[in-house]
């Protein structure tokens, strides 16, 4: 007798209304905008700014914020390497569903390891995964320290903190890189508009 959940007796069920039909209805193309970077680099702020700009254009998006998800979907996970990998895997799978629904899914997570981000990229057609690297210097992120986490990490009260005693692996081939210009950080709105421009140029804002 086979057990429920055995890979041999689980089958994919197709529905007559698919992604193309949903995209036509919404007049946009589903994709994942994956914003990665150090704590304090501005990921969440840019994600929300991007969502607001898309809303102003009549486009539907949804933000998957790393901290917010740890209040629910990922509240059972810690910050060990294996837990971080599972955290990203779950978010990647959820983001894939949002994109399949025809939405512009904005995932905002530190996601420090390339292999985990690459796993999420491989879940979608290549052009539907847009990696955005918040390339802000550690000094700037630590100076902001809105949550007081860098100080705790420096004081040894938090172990395995990305950028302090755990590595951040920057993207090697991201679609968009957001960084300072002559030592000045662009406004969240300006950075969000860089992403909007990319989405427009690649045809995601129309069906």
C-alpha atoms as a PDB file:
ATOM      1  CA  UNK A   1       0.000   0.000   0.000  1.00  0.00           C
ATOM      2  CA  UNK A   2       1.404   3.382  -0.943  1.00  0.00           C
ATOM      3  CA  UNK A   3       1.380   6.186   1.581  1.00  0.00           C
ATOM      4  CA  UNK A   4      -0.381   9.472   0.929  1.00  0.00           C
ATOM      5  CA  UNK A   5       2.272  11.947  -0.174  1.00  0.00           C
ATOM      6  CA  UNK A   6       4.366   9.393  -2.015  1.00  0.00           C
ATOM      7  CA  UNK A   7       5.743  11.014  -5.154  1.00  0.00           C
ATOM      8  CA  UNK A   8       4.379   8.157  -7.261  1.00  0.00           C
ATOM      9  CA  UNK A   9       0.732   8.960  -6.540  1.00  0.00           C
ATOM     10  CA  UNK A  10       0.709  12.758  -6.634  1.00  0.00           C
ATOM     11  CA  UNK A  11      -0.317  14.284  -9.958  1.00  0.00           C
ATOM     12  CA  UNK A  12      -0.374  17.856 -11.243  1.00  0.00           C
ATOM     13  CA  UNK A  13      -3.903  19.092 -11.973  1.00  0.00           C
ATOM     14  CA  UNK A  14      -4.201  21.609 -14.787  1.00  0.00           C
ATOM     15  CA  UNK A  15      -6.953  24.231 -14.848  1.00  0.00           C
ATOM     16  CA  UNK A  16      -8.437  25.796 -18.007  1.00  0.00           C
ATOM     17  CA  UNK A  17      -7.661  29.302 -16.745  1.00  0.00           C
ATOM     18  CA  UNK A  18      -3.877  29.653 -16.730  1.00  0.00           C
ATOM     19  CA  UNK A  19      -1.230  32.315 -16.394  1.00  0.00           C
ATOM     20  CA  UNK A  20      -1.767  33.782 -19.901  1.00  0.00           C
ATOM     21  CA  UNK A  21      -5.465  34.284 -19.215  1.00  0.00           C
ATOM     22  CA  UNK A  22      -4.788  35.905 -15.844  1.00  0.00           C
ATOM     23  CA  UNK A  23      -2.144  38.180 -17.349  1.00  0.00           C
ATOM     24  CA  UNK A  24      -4.535  39.269 -20.086  1.00  0.00           C
ATOM     25  CA  UNK A  25      -7.186  40.082 -17.484  1.00  0.00           C
ATOM     26  CA  UNK A  26      -4.712  42.111 -15.399  1.00  0.00           C
ATOM     27  CA  UNK A  27      -2.908  43.653 -18.402  1.00  0.00           C
ATOM     28  CA  UNK A  28       0.495  42.855 -16.935  1.00  0.00           C
ATOM     29  CA  UNK A  29       2.933  39.949 -16.840  1.00  0.00           C
ATOM     30  CA  UNK A  30       3.673  38.012 -13.668  1.00  0.00           C
ATOM     31  CA  UNK A  31       7.248  38.034 -12.434  1.00  0.00           C
ATOM     32  CA  UNK A  32       9.398  38.062  -9.304  1.00  0.00           C
ATOM     33  CA  UNK A  33      11.469  41.096  -8.340  1.00  0.00           C
ATOM     34  CA  UNK A  34      13.923  39.704  -5.791  1.00  0.00           C
ATOM     35  CA  UNK A  35      15.577  42.464  -3.737  1.00  0.00           C
ATOM     36  CA  UNK A  36      18.672  41.307  -1.868  1.00  0.00           C
ATOM     37  CA  UNK A  37      21.237  43.107   0.279  1.00  0.00           C
ATOM     38  CA  UNK A  38      22.543  43.697   3.768  1.00  0.00           C
ATOM     39  CA  UNK A  39      20.318  44.561   6.695  1.00  0.00           C
ATOM     40  CA  UNK A  40      19.804  48.318   6.566  1.00  0.00           C
ATOM     41  CA  UNK A  41      20.522  48.591   2.842  1.00  0.00           C
ATOM     42  CA  UNK A  42      16.974  49.776   2.149  1.00  0.00           C
ATOM     43  CA  UNK A  43      15.382  46.624   0.740  1.00  0.00           C
ATOM     44  CA  UNK A  44      12.011  46.939   2.458  1.00  0.00           C
ATOM     45  CA  UNK A  45      11.789  50.675   1.838  1.00  0.00           C
ATOM     46  CA  UNK A  46      12.493  50.244  -1.879  1.00  0.00           C
ATOM     47  CA  UNK A  47      10.098  47.288  -2.073  1.00  0.00           C
ATOM     48  CA  UNK A  48       7.249  49.362  -0.634  1.00  0.00           C
ATOM     49  CA  UNK A  49       8.148  52.334  -2.839  1.00  0.00           C
ATOM     50  CA  UNK A  50       8.107  50.060  -5.876  1.00  0.00           C
ATOM     51  CA  UNK A  51       4.717  48.664  -4.888  1.00  0.00           C
ATOM     52  CA  UNK A  52       3.364  52.209  -4.525  1.00  0.00           C
ATOM     53  CA  UNK A  53       4.715  53.268  -7.925  1.00  0.00           C
ATOM     54  CA  UNK A  54       3.187  50.201  -9.578  1.00  0.00           C
ATOM     55  CA  UNK A  55      -0.134  50.877  -7.851  1.00  0.00           C
ATOM     56  CA  UNK A  56      -0.078  54.426  -9.253  1.00  0.00           C
ATOM     57  CA  UNK A  57       0.301  52.868 -12.712  1.00  0.00           C
ATOM     58  CA  UNK A  58      -2.670  50.571 -12.117  1.00  0.00           C
ATOM     59  CA  UNK A  59      -0.499  47.468 -11.739  1.00  0.00           C
ATOM     60  CA  UNK A  60      -0.983  44.841  -9.060  1.00  0.00           C
ATOM     61  CA  UNK A  61       1.967  43.754  -6.956  1.00  0.00           C
ATOM     62  CA  UNK A  62       2.524  42.066  -3.631  1.00  0.00           C
ATOM     63  CA  UNK A  63       5.471  42.462  -1.260  1.00  0.00           C
ATOM     64  CA  UNK A  64       6.938  39.417   0.490  1.00  0.00           C
ATOM     65  CA  UNK A  65       9.047  40.958   3.240  1.00  0.00           C
ATOM     66  CA  UNK A  66      11.543  38.718   5.008  1.00  0.00           C
ATOM     67  CA  UNK A  67      10.813  40.021   8.513  1.00  0.00           C
ATOM     68  CA  UNK A  68       7.050  39.948   7.996  1.00  0.00           C
ATOM     69  CA  UNK A  69       7.157  36.350   6.788  1.00  0.00           C
ATOM     70  CA  UNK A  70       8.967  35.303   9.957  1.00  0.00           C
ATOM     71  CA  UNK A  71       5.834  36.301  11.878  1.00  0.00           C
ATOM     72  CA  UNK A  72       3.838  33.615  10.079  1.00  0.00           C
ATOM     73  CA  UNK A  73       4.965  31.345   7.246  1.00  0.00           C
ATOM     74  CA  UNK A  74       8.543  31.085   8.530  1.00  0.00           C
ATOM     75  CA  UNK A  75       8.085  31.657  12.257  1.00  0.00           C
ATOM     76  CA  UNK A  76       9.377  28.159  12.989  1.00  0.00           C
ATOM     77  CA  UNK A  77      12.788  28.918  11.428  1.00  0.00           C
ATOM     78  CA  UNK A  78      15.925  30.298  13.044  1.00  0.00           C
ATOM     79  CA  UNK A  79      19.032  31.771  11.464  1.00  0.00           C
ATOM     80  CA  UNK A  80      21.302  28.750  11.079  1.00  0.00           C
ATOM     81  CA  UNK A  81      22.481  28.107   7.525  1.00  0.00           C
ATOM     82  CA  UNK A  82      19.966  25.311   6.973  1.00  0.00           C
ATOM     83  CA  UNK A  83      17.109  27.415   8.359  1.00  0.00           C
ATOM     84  CA  UNK A  84      18.077  30.330   6.149  1.00  0.00           C
ATOM     85  CA  UNK A  85      18.075  28.025   3.140  1.00  0.00           C
ATOM     86  CA  UNK A  86      14.604  26.730   4.024  1.00  0.00           C
ATOM     87  CA  UNK A  87      13.413  30.300   4.601  1.00  0.00           C
ATOM     88  CA  UNK A  88      14.466  31.284   1.085  1.00  0.00           C
ATOM     89  CA  UNK A  89      13.100  28.069  -0.434  1.00  0.00           C
ATOM     90  CA  UNK A  90       9.648  28.725   1.014  1.00  0.00           C
ATOM     91  CA  UNK A  91       9.621  32.340  -0.093  1.00  0.00           C
ATOM     92  CA  UNK A  92      10.779  31.329  -3.558  1.00  0.00           C
ATOM     93  CA  UNK A  93       7.940  28.846  -3.902  1.00  0.00           C
ATOM     94  CA  UNK A  94       5.361  31.395  -2.712  1.00  0.00           C
ATOM     95  CA  UNK A  95       6.796  34.046  -5.027  1.00  0.00           C
ATOM     96  CA  UNK A  96       6.495  31.585  -7.917  1.00  0.00           C
ATOM     97  CA  UNK A  97       2.767  31.187  -7.148  1.00  0.00           C
ATOM     98  CA  UNK A  98       2.224  34.949  -7.082  1.00  0.00           C
ATOM     99  CA  UNK A  99       3.982  35.287 -10.441  1.00  0.00           C
ATOM    100  CA  UNK A 100       1.865  32.461 -11.850  1.00  0.00           C
ATOM    101  CA  UNK A 101      -1.209  34.363 -10.655  1.00  0.00           C
ATOM    102  CA  UNK A 102      -0.073  37.219 -12.899  1.00  0.00           C
ATOM    103  CA  UNK A 103       1.126  39.508 -10.125  1.00  0.00           C
ATOM    104  CA  UNK A 104       4.407  41.357  -9.845  1.00  0.00           C
ATOM    105  CA  UNK A 105       5.799  39.737  -6.710  1.00  0.00           C
ATOM    106  CA  UNK A 106       8.382  41.825  -4.835  1.00  0.00           C
ATOM    107  CA  UNK A 107      10.465  39.663  -2.486  1.00  0.00           C
ATOM    108  CA  UNK A 108      12.593  41.629  -0.036  1.00  0.00           C
ATOM    109  CA  UNK A 109      15.064  39.503   1.910  1.00  0.00           C
ATOM    110  CA  UNK A 110      18.735  39.606   2.885  1.00  0.00           C
ATOM    111  CA  UNK A 111      19.060  36.189   1.201  1.00  0.00           C
ATOM    112  CA  UNK A 112      22.838  36.172   1.730  1.00  0.00           C
ATOM    113  CA  UNK A 113      23.789  33.000  -0.151  1.00  0.00           C
ATOM    114  CA  UNK A 114      24.001  32.802  -3.934  1.00  0.00           C
ATOM    115  CA  UNK A 115      22.963  29.164  -4.088  1.00  0.00           C
ATOM    116  CA  UNK A 116      19.664  29.943  -2.365  1.00  0.00           C
ATOM    117  CA  UNK A 117      18.903  32.893  -4.658  1.00  0.00           C
ATOM    118  CA  UNK A 118      19.873  30.787  -7.674  1.00  0.00           C
ATOM    119  CA  UNK A 119      17.456  28.087  -6.496  1.00  0.00           C
ATOM    120  CA  UNK A 120      14.636  30.643  -6.573  1.00  0.00           C
ATOM    121  CA  UNK A 121      15.715  31.883  -9.991  1.00  0.00           C
ATOM    122  CA  UNK A 122      15.530  28.355 -11.355  1.00  0.00           C
ATOM    123  CA  UNK A 123      11.896  28.031 -10.243  1.00  0.00           C
ATOM    124  CA  UNK A 124      10.822  30.460 -12.956  1.00  0.00           C
ATOM    125  CA  UNK A 125      11.560  31.113 -16.607  1.00  0.00           C
ATOM    126  CA  UNK A 126      14.849  33.040 -16.653  1.00  0.00           C
ATOM    127  CA  UNK A 127      13.359  36.348 -17.782  1.00  0.00           C
ATOM    128  CA  UNK A 128      10.694  36.267 -15.037  1.00  0.00           C
ATOM    129  CA  UNK A 129      13.194  36.479 -12.155  1.00  0.00           C
ATOM    130  CA  UNK A 130      14.619  39.960 -11.700  1.00  0.00           C
ATOM    131  CA  UNK A 131      17.384  40.109  -9.113  1.00  0.00           C
ATOM    132  CA  UNK A 132      17.895  43.564  -7.603  1.00  0.00           C
ATOM    133  CA  UNK A 133      21.089  44.049  -5.606  1.00  0.00           C
ATOM    134  CA  UNK A 134      21.011  46.796  -2.979  1.00  0.00           C
ATOM    135  CA  UNK A 135      24.739  47.422  -3.190  1.00  0.00           C
ATOM    136  CA  UNK A 136      25.135  49.687  -0.180  1.00  0.00           C
ATOM    137  CA  UNK A 137      28.373  49.730   1.853  1.00  0.00           C
ATOM    138  CA  UNK A 138      28.402  48.022   5.224  1.00  0.00           C
ATOM    139  CA  UNK A 139      29.393  51.325   6.851  1.00  0.00           C
ATOM    140  CA  UNK A 140      26.199  52.978   5.627  1.00  0.00           C
ATOM    141  CA  UNK A 141      23.994  50.063   6.671  1.00  0.00           C
ATOM    142  CA  UNK A 142      25.608  49.936  10.096  1.00  0.00           C
ATOM    143  CA  UNK A 143      25.280  53.699  10.550  1.00  0.00           C
ATOM    144  CA  UNK A 144      21.549  53.448   9.870  1.00  0.00           C
ATOM    145  CA  UNK A 145      20.984  50.426  12.140  1.00  0.00           C
ATOM    146  CA  UNK A 146      17.304  51.284  12.574  1.00  0.00           C
ATOM    147  CA  UNK A 147      16.661  48.013  14.407  1.00  0.00           C
ATOM    148  CA  UNK A 148      19.790  48.150  16.563  1.00  0.00           C
ATOM    149  CA  UNK A 149      20.917  44.775  15.228  1.00  0.00           C
ATOM    150  CA  UNK A 150      24.428  45.759  14.163  1.00  0.00           C
ATOM    151  CA  UNK A 151      25.187  47.042  17.647  1.00  0.00           C
ATOM    152  CA  UNK A 152      23.958  43.789  19.161  1.00  0.00           C
ATOM    153  CA  UNK A 153      26.089  41.841  16.688  1.00  0.00           C
ATOM    154  CA  UNK A 154      29.174  43.958  17.405  1.00  0.00           C
ATOM    155  CA  UNK A 155      28.594  43.421  21.132  1.00  0.00           C
ATOM    156  CA  UNK A 156      28.435  39.658  20.573  1.00  0.00           C
ATOM    157  CA  UNK A 157      24.783  39.429  21.577  1.00  0.00           C
ATOM    158  CA  UNK A 158      23.728  38.171  18.137  1.00  0.00           C
ATOM    159  CA  UNK A 159      25.697  35.402  16.455  1.00  0.00           C
ATOM    160  CA  UNK A 160      25.770  34.680  12.732  1.00  0.00           C
ATOM    161  CA  UNK A 161      24.719  38.186  11.712  1.00  0.00           C
ATOM    162  CA  UNK A 162      25.135  38.816   7.992  1.00  0.00           C
ATOM    163  CA  UNK A 163      27.951  41.229   7.243  1.00  0.00           C
ATOM    164  CA  UNK A 164      29.526  40.910  10.696  1.00  0.00           C
ATOM    165  CA  UNK A 165      30.290  37.286  11.463  1.00  0.00           C
ATOM    166  CA  UNK A 166      28.394  35.616   8.628  1.00  0.00           C
ATOM    167  CA  UNK A 167      29.110  36.283   4.941  1.00  0.00           C
ATOM    168  CA  UNK A 168      26.983  38.047   2.363  1.00  0.00           C
ATOM    169  CA  UNK A 169      27.606  36.739  -1.141  1.00  0.00           C
ATOM    170  CA  UNK A 170      26.814  39.532  -3.621  1.00  0.00           C
ATOM    171  CA  UNK A 171      25.126  38.650  -6.916  1.00  0.00           C
ATOM    172  CA  UNK A 172      27.413  38.023  -9.849  1.00  0.00           C
ATOM    173  CA  UNK A 173      24.905  38.677 -12.633  1.00  0.00           C
ATOM    174  CA  UNK A 174      21.972  40.597 -11.210  1.00  0.00           C
ATOM    175  CA  UNK A 175      19.524  42.359 -13.513  1.00  0.00           C
ATOM    176  CA  UNK A 176      19.562  45.611 -11.524  1.00  0.00           C
ATOM    177  CA  UNK A 177      22.159  47.073  -9.162  1.00  0.00           C
ATOM    178  CA  UNK A 178      21.199  49.983  -6.917  1.00  0.00           C
ATOM    179  CA  UNK A 179      24.079  51.869  -5.344  1.00  0.00           C
ATOM    180  CA  UNK A 180      25.294  55.249  -4.161  1.00  0.00           C
ATOM    181  CA  UNK A 181      26.175  57.942  -6.694  1.00  0.00           C
ATOM    182  CA  UNK A 182      29.313  59.836  -5.653  1.00  0.00           C
ATOM    183  CA  UNK A 183      28.718  58.816  -2.063  1.00  0.00           C
ATOM    184  CA  UNK A 184      25.055  59.879  -2.094  1.00  0.00           C
ATOM    185  CA  UNK A 185      22.275  57.317  -1.804  1.00  0.00           C
ATOM    186  CA  UNK A 186      19.404  57.856  -4.274  1.00  0.00           C
ATOM    187  CA  UNK A 187      15.952  58.327  -2.773  1.00  0.00           C
ATOM    188  CA  UNK A 188      13.752  55.227  -2.399  1.00  0.00           C
ATOM    189  CA  UNK A 189      11.434  56.668  -5.050  1.00  0.00           C
ATOM    190  CA  UNK A 190      14.313  57.129  -7.501  1.00  0.00           C
ATOM    191  CA  UNK A 191      15.516  53.561  -6.937  1.00  0.00           C
ATOM    192  CA  UNK A 192      11.982  52.223  -7.299  1.00  0.00           C
ATOM    193  CA  UNK A 193      11.630  54.070 -10.594  1.00  0.00           C
ATOM    194  CA  UNK A 194      14.795  52.388 -11.888  1.00  0.00           C
ATOM    195  CA  UNK A 195      13.032  49.079 -11.369  1.00  0.00           C
ATOM    196  CA  UNK A 196       9.795  50.354 -12.917  1.00  0.00           C
ATOM    197  CA  UNK A 197      11.763  51.456 -15.993  1.00  0.00           C
ATOM    198  CA  UNK A 198      13.280  47.985 -16.291  1.00  0.00           C
ATOM    199  CA  UNK A 199       9.841  46.370 -15.998  1.00  0.00           C
ATOM    200  CA  UNK A 200       8.452  48.707 -18.668  1.00  0.00           C
ATOM    201  CA  UNK A 201      11.340  48.041 -21.038  1.00  0.00           C
ATOM    202  CA  UNK A 202      10.981  44.275 -20.616  1.00  0.00           C
ATOM    203  CA  UNK A 203       7.233  44.339 -21.245  1.00  0.00           C
ATOM    204  CA  UNK A 204       6.013  43.296 -17.794  1.00  0.00           C
ATOM    205  CA  UNK A 205       3.616  46.225 -17.435  1.00  0.00           C
ATOM    206  CA  UNK A 206       1.392  45.107 -20.279  1.00  0.00           C
ATOM    207  CA  UNK A 207      -0.072  41.775 -21.264  1.00  0.00           C
END
